[in-house]
N, C-alpha and C. Protein backbone atom coordinates (compact mmCIF):
# COMPACT_ATOMS: atom_id res chain seq x y z
N UNK A 1 0.93 -1.09 -0.10
CA UNK A 1 -0.07 -0.01 0.02
C UNK A 1 0.93 1.25 0.01
N UNK A 2 0.42 2.23 -0.67
CA UNK A 2 1.11 3.58 -0.80
C UNK A 2 0.31 4.67 -0.41
N UNK A 3 0.52 5.53 0.31
CA UNK A 3 -0.32 6.73 0.71
C UNK A 3 0.50 8.08 0.38
N UNK A 4 0.07 8.63 -0.84
CA UNK A 4 0.57 9.85 -1.24
C UNK A 4 0.22 11.22 -0.57
N UNK A 5 1.22 11.92 -0.32
CA UNK A 5 0.93 13.35 0.26
C UNK A 5 1.70 14.50 -0.51
N UNK A 6 0.95 15.25 -1.14
CA UNK A 6 1.39 16.26 -2.10
C UNK A 6 1.73 17.57 -1.26
N UNK A 7 2.82 18.32 -1.71
CA UNK A 7 3.36 19.59 -1.23
C UNK A 7 3.67 20.47 -2.24
N UNK A 8 3.99 21.88 -2.03
CA UNK A 8 4.59 22.59 -2.95
C UNK A 8 3.83 23.59 -3.77
N UNK A 9 2.44 23.44 -3.56
CA UNK A 9 1.50 24.15 -4.46
C UNK A 9 1.61 25.66 -3.91
N UNK A 10 0.94 26.69 -4.67
CA UNK A 10 1.06 27.99 -4.26
C UNK A 10 0.53 29.00 -5.50
N UNK A 11 0.77 30.09 -5.07
CA UNK A 11 0.37 31.14 -6.19
C UNK A 11 1.62 31.59 -6.71
N UNK A 12 1.64 31.77 -8.02
CA UNK A 12 2.78 32.08 -8.84
C UNK A 12 2.24 33.02 -10.20
N UNK A 13 3.05 33.75 -10.60
CA UNK A 13 2.70 34.71 -11.63
C UNK A 13 2.85 33.84 -12.94
N UNK A 14 2.19 34.34 -14.03
CA UNK A 14 2.26 33.65 -15.38
C UNK A 14 3.95 33.67 -15.81
N UNK A 15 4.29 32.55 -16.27
CA UNK A 15 5.63 32.33 -16.69
C UNK A 15 6.72 31.84 -15.63
N UNK A 16 6.11 31.84 -14.40
CA UNK A 16 6.93 31.49 -13.11
C UNK A 16 6.94 29.79 -13.06
N UNK A 17 7.71 29.39 -12.12
CA UNK A 17 7.97 27.98 -11.94
C UNK A 17 7.43 27.61 -10.35
N UNK A 18 7.11 26.35 -10.45
CA UNK A 18 6.84 25.76 -8.99
C UNK A 18 7.32 24.19 -8.99
N UNK A 19 7.66 23.62 -8.07
CA UNK A 19 8.06 22.43 -7.92
C UNK A 19 7.03 21.58 -6.95
N UNK A 20 6.36 20.66 -7.30
CA UNK A 20 5.46 19.91 -6.36
C UNK A 20 6.14 18.75 -6.08
N UNK A 21 5.96 18.24 -4.76
CA UNK A 21 6.52 16.88 -4.34
C UNK A 21 5.44 15.89 -3.85
N UNK A 22 5.60 14.87 -3.80
CA UNK A 22 4.74 13.65 -3.38
C UNK A 22 5.53 12.77 -2.58
N UNK A 23 5.11 12.82 -1.39
CA UNK A 23 6.01 11.91 -0.53
C UNK A 23 5.02 10.75 -0.14
N UNK A 24 5.34 9.54 -0.39
CA UNK A 24 4.46 8.42 -0.39
C UNK A 24 4.96 7.41 0.72
N UNK A 25 4.10 7.10 1.70
CA UNK A 25 4.65 6.23 2.55
C UNK A 25 4.18 4.95 2.20
N UNK A 26 4.80 3.86 2.71
CA UNK A 26 4.63 2.63 2.33
C UNK A 26 5.80 2.03 1.64
N UNK A 27 6.00 0.80 1.90
CA UNK A 27 7.19 -0.06 1.31
C UNK A 27 7.17 -0.37 -0.16
N UNK A 28 5.95 -0.15 -0.72
CA UNK A 28 5.70 -0.47 -2.11
C UNK A 28 6.01 0.64 -3.06
N UNK A 29 6.52 1.61 -2.61
CA UNK A 29 6.84 3.00 -3.51
C UNK A 29 7.29 2.50 -4.75
N UNK A 30 8.56 1.98 -4.52
CA UNK A 30 9.40 1.51 -5.88
C UNK A 30 8.74 0.57 -6.89
N UNK A 31 7.65 0.10 -6.36
CA UNK A 31 6.89 -1.11 -7.16
C UNK A 31 5.80 -0.28 -7.97
N UNK A 32 5.77 1.04 -7.55
CA UNK A 32 4.43 1.69 -8.05
C UNK A 32 4.75 2.64 -9.23
N UNK A 33 4.00 2.67 -10.33
CA UNK A 33 3.76 3.62 -11.31
C UNK A 33 3.39 4.87 -10.57
N UNK A 34 3.71 5.95 -10.74
CA UNK A 34 3.28 7.25 -10.19
C UNK A 34 2.88 8.24 -11.17
N UNK A 35 1.61 9.01 -11.03
CA UNK A 35 1.21 9.99 -11.76
C UNK A 35 0.79 11.14 -11.21
N UNK A 36 0.80 12.21 -11.75
CA UNK A 36 0.22 13.62 -11.53
C UNK A 36 -1.05 13.71 -12.39
N UNK A 37 -2.22 14.29 -11.57
CA UNK A 37 -3.41 14.64 -12.35
C UNK A 37 -3.75 16.03 -11.79
N UNK A 38 -4.59 16.51 -12.48
CA UNK A 38 -5.09 17.93 -11.98
C UNK A 38 -6.55 18.01 -12.25
N UNK A 39 -7.18 19.11 -11.45
CA UNK A 39 -8.64 19.26 -11.63
C UNK A 39 -8.87 20.70 -11.54
N UNK A 40 -9.44 21.42 -12.39
CA UNK A 40 -9.78 22.95 -12.33
C UNK A 40 -11.30 23.01 -12.00
N UNK A 41 -11.45 24.09 -11.30
CA UNK A 41 -12.89 24.15 -10.90
C UNK A 41 -13.89 23.99 -12.13
N UNK A 42 -14.96 23.10 -11.93
CA UNK A 42 -15.86 23.09 -13.10
C UNK A 42 -15.39 22.26 -14.15
N UNK A 43 -14.42 21.52 -14.05
CA UNK A 43 -13.87 20.69 -15.06
C UNK A 43 -13.52 19.31 -14.62
N UNK A 44 -13.21 18.34 -15.49
CA UNK A 44 -12.96 17.01 -15.05
C UNK A 44 -11.53 16.94 -14.77
N UNK A 45 -11.19 16.06 -13.84
CA UNK A 45 -9.86 15.59 -13.60
C UNK A 45 -9.24 15.29 -14.89
N UNK A 46 -7.83 15.68 -15.23
CA UNK A 46 -7.22 15.33 -16.33
C UNK A 46 -5.65 14.82 -15.89
N UNK A 47 -5.22 14.08 -16.75
CA UNK A 47 -3.88 13.55 -16.66
C UNK A 47 -2.91 14.54 -17.00
N UNK A 48 -1.79 14.50 -16.28
CA UNK A 48 -0.68 15.54 -16.51
C UNK A 48 0.63 14.89 -16.89
N UNK A 49 0.97 13.83 -16.02
CA UNK A 49 2.33 13.34 -16.21
C UNK A 49 2.44 11.95 -15.45
N UNK A 50 3.10 11.08 -15.89
CA UNK A 50 3.30 9.68 -15.15
C UNK A 50 4.79 9.13 -15.35
N UNK A 51 5.24 8.57 -14.40
CA UNK A 51 6.54 7.78 -14.43
C UNK A 51 6.63 6.35 -14.10
N UNK A 52 7.56 5.55 -14.80
CA UNK A 52 7.62 4.33 -14.42
C UNK A 52 8.34 4.00 -13.18
N UNK A 53 8.43 2.78 -12.79
CA UNK A 53 8.83 2.33 -11.36
C UNK A 53 10.31 2.86 -11.14
N UNK A 54 10.96 2.74 -12.26
CA UNK A 54 12.56 2.92 -12.25
C UNK A 54 12.86 4.52 -12.76
N UNK A 55 11.97 5.01 -13.12
CA UNK A 55 12.01 6.52 -13.54
C UNK A 55 12.65 6.50 -15.15
N UNK A 56 12.60 5.54 -15.79
CA UNK A 56 13.19 5.47 -16.99
C UNK A 56 12.27 5.95 -18.15
N UNK A 57 10.99 5.62 -17.97
CA UNK A 57 10.04 6.18 -18.75
C UNK A 57 9.09 7.31 -18.28
N UNK A 58 8.83 8.24 -19.02
CA UNK A 58 7.84 9.18 -18.53
C UNK A 58 6.78 9.34 -19.74
N UNK A 59 5.75 9.99 -19.46
CA UNK A 59 4.62 10.28 -20.39
C UNK A 59 4.00 11.54 -19.86
N UNK A 60 3.62 12.43 -20.80
CA UNK A 60 3.03 13.65 -20.54
C UNK A 60 1.75 13.88 -21.27
N UNK A 61 0.90 14.67 -20.72
CA UNK A 61 -0.13 15.32 -21.42
C UNK A 61 0.44 16.47 -22.43
N UNK A 62 -0.03 16.59 -23.56
CA UNK A 62 0.37 17.36 -24.67
C UNK A 62 0.19 18.76 -24.09
N UNK A 63 -0.67 19.35 -23.41
CA UNK A 63 -0.59 20.56 -22.82
C UNK A 63 0.51 21.00 -21.84
N UNK A 64 1.25 20.09 -21.48
CA UNK A 64 2.31 20.43 -20.54
C UNK A 64 3.67 19.93 -20.99
N UNK A 65 3.66 19.09 -21.86
CA UNK A 65 4.87 18.69 -22.64
C UNK A 65 5.92 19.89 -23.07
N UNK A 66 7.02 19.74 -22.59
CA UNK A 66 8.12 20.63 -22.88
C UNK A 66 8.17 21.75 -21.82
N UNK A 67 7.32 21.86 -20.90
CA UNK A 67 7.17 22.80 -19.69
C UNK A 67 7.37 21.95 -18.42
N UNK A 68 6.71 20.99 -18.30
CA UNK A 68 6.65 20.17 -16.97
C UNK A 68 7.72 18.84 -16.94
N UNK A 69 8.19 18.66 -16.11
CA UNK A 69 9.05 17.38 -15.85
C UNK A 69 8.77 16.73 -14.63
N UNK A 70 8.55 15.33 -14.80
CA UNK A 70 8.25 14.30 -13.66
C UNK A 70 9.45 13.59 -13.34
N UNK A 71 9.81 13.48 -12.18
CA UNK A 71 10.75 12.73 -11.66
C UNK A 71 10.52 12.01 -10.31
N UNK A 72 11.49 11.10 -10.15
CA UNK A 72 11.25 10.25 -8.74
C UNK A 72 12.43 9.85 -8.09
N UNK A 73 12.54 9.88 -6.83
CA UNK A 73 13.72 9.30 -6.08
C UNK A 73 13.05 8.23 -5.14
N UNK A 74 13.51 7.18 -5.56
CA UNK A 74 12.87 5.93 -4.89
C UNK A 74 13.49 5.81 -3.35
N UNK A 75 14.68 6.26 -3.14
CA UNK A 75 15.34 6.24 -1.94
C UNK A 75 14.69 7.09 -0.94
N UNK A 76 13.93 8.12 -1.52
CA UNK A 76 13.24 8.92 -0.66
C UNK A 76 11.78 8.85 -0.57
N UNK A 77 11.27 7.82 -1.36
CA UNK A 77 9.81 7.45 -1.62
C UNK A 77 9.15 8.93 -2.13
N UNK A 78 9.68 9.59 -2.98
CA UNK A 78 9.15 10.90 -3.33
C UNK A 78 9.07 10.93 -4.99
N UNK A 79 8.07 11.60 -5.46
CA UNK A 79 8.02 11.95 -6.69
C UNK A 79 7.71 13.44 -6.91
N UNK A 80 8.37 13.97 -8.07
CA UNK A 80 8.40 15.48 -8.26
C UNK A 80 7.61 15.72 -9.42
N UNK A 81 7.16 17.04 -9.58
CA UNK A 81 6.65 17.65 -10.59
C UNK A 81 7.23 18.90 -10.90
N UNK A 82 8.10 19.24 -11.78
CA UNK A 82 8.79 20.50 -11.87
C UNK A 82 8.05 21.28 -12.93
N UNK A 83 7.42 22.44 -12.63
CA UNK A 83 6.55 23.10 -13.65
C UNK A 83 7.20 24.41 -14.02
N UNK A 84 7.49 24.68 -15.17
CA UNK A 84 8.13 25.88 -15.68
C UNK A 84 7.12 26.48 -16.61
N UNK A 85 7.34 27.92 -16.98
CA UNK A 85 6.55 28.54 -17.77
C UNK A 85 5.09 28.23 -17.76
N UNK A 86 4.57 28.62 -16.52
CA UNK A 86 3.20 28.28 -16.04
C UNK A 86 2.39 29.37 -16.68
N UNK A 87 1.14 28.81 -16.88
CA UNK A 87 0.14 29.70 -17.58
C UNK A 87 -1.13 29.78 -16.57
N UNK A 88 -1.98 30.55 -16.80
CA UNK A 88 -3.10 30.76 -16.06
C UNK A 88 -4.01 29.36 -16.17
N UNK A 89 -4.08 28.85 -17.43
CA UNK A 89 -4.79 27.66 -17.52
C UNK A 89 -4.20 26.38 -16.89
N UNK A 90 -3.02 26.52 -16.41
CA UNK A 90 -2.57 25.48 -15.17
C UNK A 90 -3.13 25.47 -13.95
N UNK A 91 -3.89 26.50 -13.77
CA UNK A 91 -4.41 26.64 -12.25
C UNK A 91 -5.50 25.43 -12.11
N UNK A 92 -5.19 24.79 -10.81
CA UNK A 92 -5.89 23.63 -10.56
C UNK A 92 -5.53 23.01 -9.09
N UNK A 93 -6.17 22.03 -8.71
CA UNK A 93 -5.77 21.06 -7.59
C UNK A 93 -4.88 20.06 -8.26
N UNK A 94 -3.76 19.82 -7.75
CA UNK A 94 -2.91 18.78 -8.45
C UNK A 94 -2.78 17.57 -7.50
N UNK A 95 -3.08 16.46 -7.88
CA UNK A 95 -2.92 15.28 -7.34
C UNK A 95 -1.92 14.25 -7.64
N UNK A 96 -1.34 13.68 -6.71
CA UNK A 96 -0.54 12.46 -6.85
C UNK A 96 -1.20 11.22 -6.78
N UNK A 97 -0.79 10.32 -7.45
CA UNK A 97 -1.45 8.96 -7.56
C UNK A 97 -0.60 7.69 -7.80
N UNK A 98 -0.80 6.59 -7.22
CA UNK A 98 0.13 5.29 -7.28
C UNK A 98 -0.71 4.31 -7.86
N UNK A 99 -0.09 3.77 -8.92
CA UNK A 99 -0.62 2.37 -9.60
C UNK A 99 0.18 1.39 -9.26
N UNK A 100 -0.42 0.50 -8.47
CA UNK A 100 0.10 -0.79 -7.90
C UNK A 100 -0.24 -1.83 -8.38
N UNK A 101 -0.91 -1.88 -9.71
CA UNK A 101 -1.39 -3.16 -10.25
C UNK A 101 -0.42 -4.10 -10.65
N UNK A 102 0.73 -3.65 -10.64
CA UNK A 102 1.75 -4.81 -11.13
C UNK A 102 1.84 -4.97 -12.72
N UNK A 103 1.08 -4.03 -13.28
CA UNK A 103 1.01 -4.24 -14.83
C UNK A 103 2.43 -4.26 -15.46
N UNK A 104 2.55 -4.97 -16.46
CA UNK A 104 3.96 -5.26 -17.27
C UNK A 104 4.31 -3.92 -18.36
N UNK A 105 3.28 -3.11 -18.39
CA UNK A 105 3.45 -1.94 -19.21
C UNK A 105 3.20 -0.74 -18.55
N UNK A 106 3.71 0.42 -18.93
CA UNK A 106 3.17 1.66 -18.28
C UNK A 106 4.35 2.63 -18.28
N UNK A 107 4.10 3.81 -17.82
CA UNK A 107 2.88 4.12 -17.08
C UNK A 107 1.79 4.49 -17.99
N UNK A 108 0.59 4.67 -17.24
CA UNK A 108 -0.57 4.88 -17.94
C UNK A 108 -1.23 6.22 -17.72
N UNK A 109 -1.90 6.62 -18.79
CA UNK A 109 -2.71 7.92 -18.52
C UNK A 109 -4.05 7.97 -17.80
N UNK A 110 -4.59 6.63 -17.69
CA UNK A 110 -5.99 6.63 -17.41
C UNK A 110 -6.05 6.66 -15.66
N UNK A 111 -6.43 7.68 -15.21
CA UNK A 111 -6.72 7.80 -13.81
C UNK A 111 -7.43 6.59 -13.10
N UNK A 112 -8.18 5.93 -13.61
CA UNK A 112 -9.00 4.94 -13.03
C UNK A 112 -7.98 3.66 -12.74
N UNK A 113 -6.79 3.62 -13.38
CA UNK A 113 -5.88 2.53 -13.21
C UNK A 113 -5.02 2.94 -11.91
N UNK A 114 -5.17 4.03 -11.17
CA UNK A 114 -4.49 4.36 -9.98
C UNK A 114 -5.29 4.08 -8.79
N UNK A 115 -4.49 3.48 -7.98
CA UNK A 115 -5.01 2.75 -6.75
C UNK A 115 -5.30 3.81 -5.59
N UNK A 116 -4.09 4.64 -5.52
CA UNK A 116 -4.06 5.34 -4.24
C UNK A 116 -3.80 6.82 -4.68
N UNK A 117 -4.46 7.71 -3.96
CA UNK A 117 -4.48 9.29 -4.16
C UNK A 117 -4.31 10.03 -2.99
N UNK A 118 -3.36 11.07 -3.39
CA UNK A 118 -3.20 12.25 -2.22
C UNK A 118 -4.51 13.01 -1.93
N UNK A 119 -4.38 14.21 -1.22
CA UNK A 119 -5.36 15.06 -0.97
C UNK A 119 -5.34 16.27 -1.86
N UNK A 120 -4.03 16.38 -2.61
CA UNK A 120 -4.17 17.54 -3.63
C UNK A 120 -3.54 18.67 -3.03
N UNK A 121 -2.95 19.41 -3.89
CA UNK A 121 -2.18 20.67 -3.50
C UNK A 121 -2.75 21.72 -4.64
N UNK A 122 -3.08 22.80 -4.10
CA UNK A 122 -3.72 24.06 -4.99
C UNK A 122 -2.44 24.70 -5.74
N UNK A 123 -2.51 24.77 -6.95
CA UNK A 123 -1.74 25.57 -7.72
C UNK A 123 -2.36 26.70 -8.51
N UNK A 124 -2.19 27.97 -8.13
CA UNK A 124 -2.84 29.20 -8.87
C UNK A 124 -1.88 30.05 -9.60
N UNK A 125 -2.22 30.15 -10.85
CA UNK A 125 -1.33 30.89 -11.74
C UNK A 125 -1.92 32.42 -12.06
N UNK A 126 -1.44 33.41 -11.77
CA UNK A 126 -2.10 34.89 -11.95
C UNK A 126 -1.59 35.12 -13.34
N UNK A 127 -2.59 35.87 -14.04
CA UNK A 127 -2.03 36.56 -15.10
C UNK A 127 -1.75 38.03 -15.04
């Protein structure tokens, strides 16, 4: 089991940067695909980025590709989301999630494939 806890959100101006962290308790962290999702007010949750167990493979939503970078440190049970060139449309609650399905392929973009979710951290980008 993995319990993610997000941190690092805040208010930033357009063009600024933030780094989100997700510390996950539990001994299964290194066995989990990890993903970041976000939900803006009045909108559905959407995929942002995900990373494989070793960190070798990553996948991004087109809307953040080239601006956001996902990484992980299995020794610290932590996954990061570095967000650069932020835009007002990036404003949302950002959630960290763990996929412990044991699948042989991944990471995946489908949020329903993720088993454990954090409480979220608010990111607000002012124009």
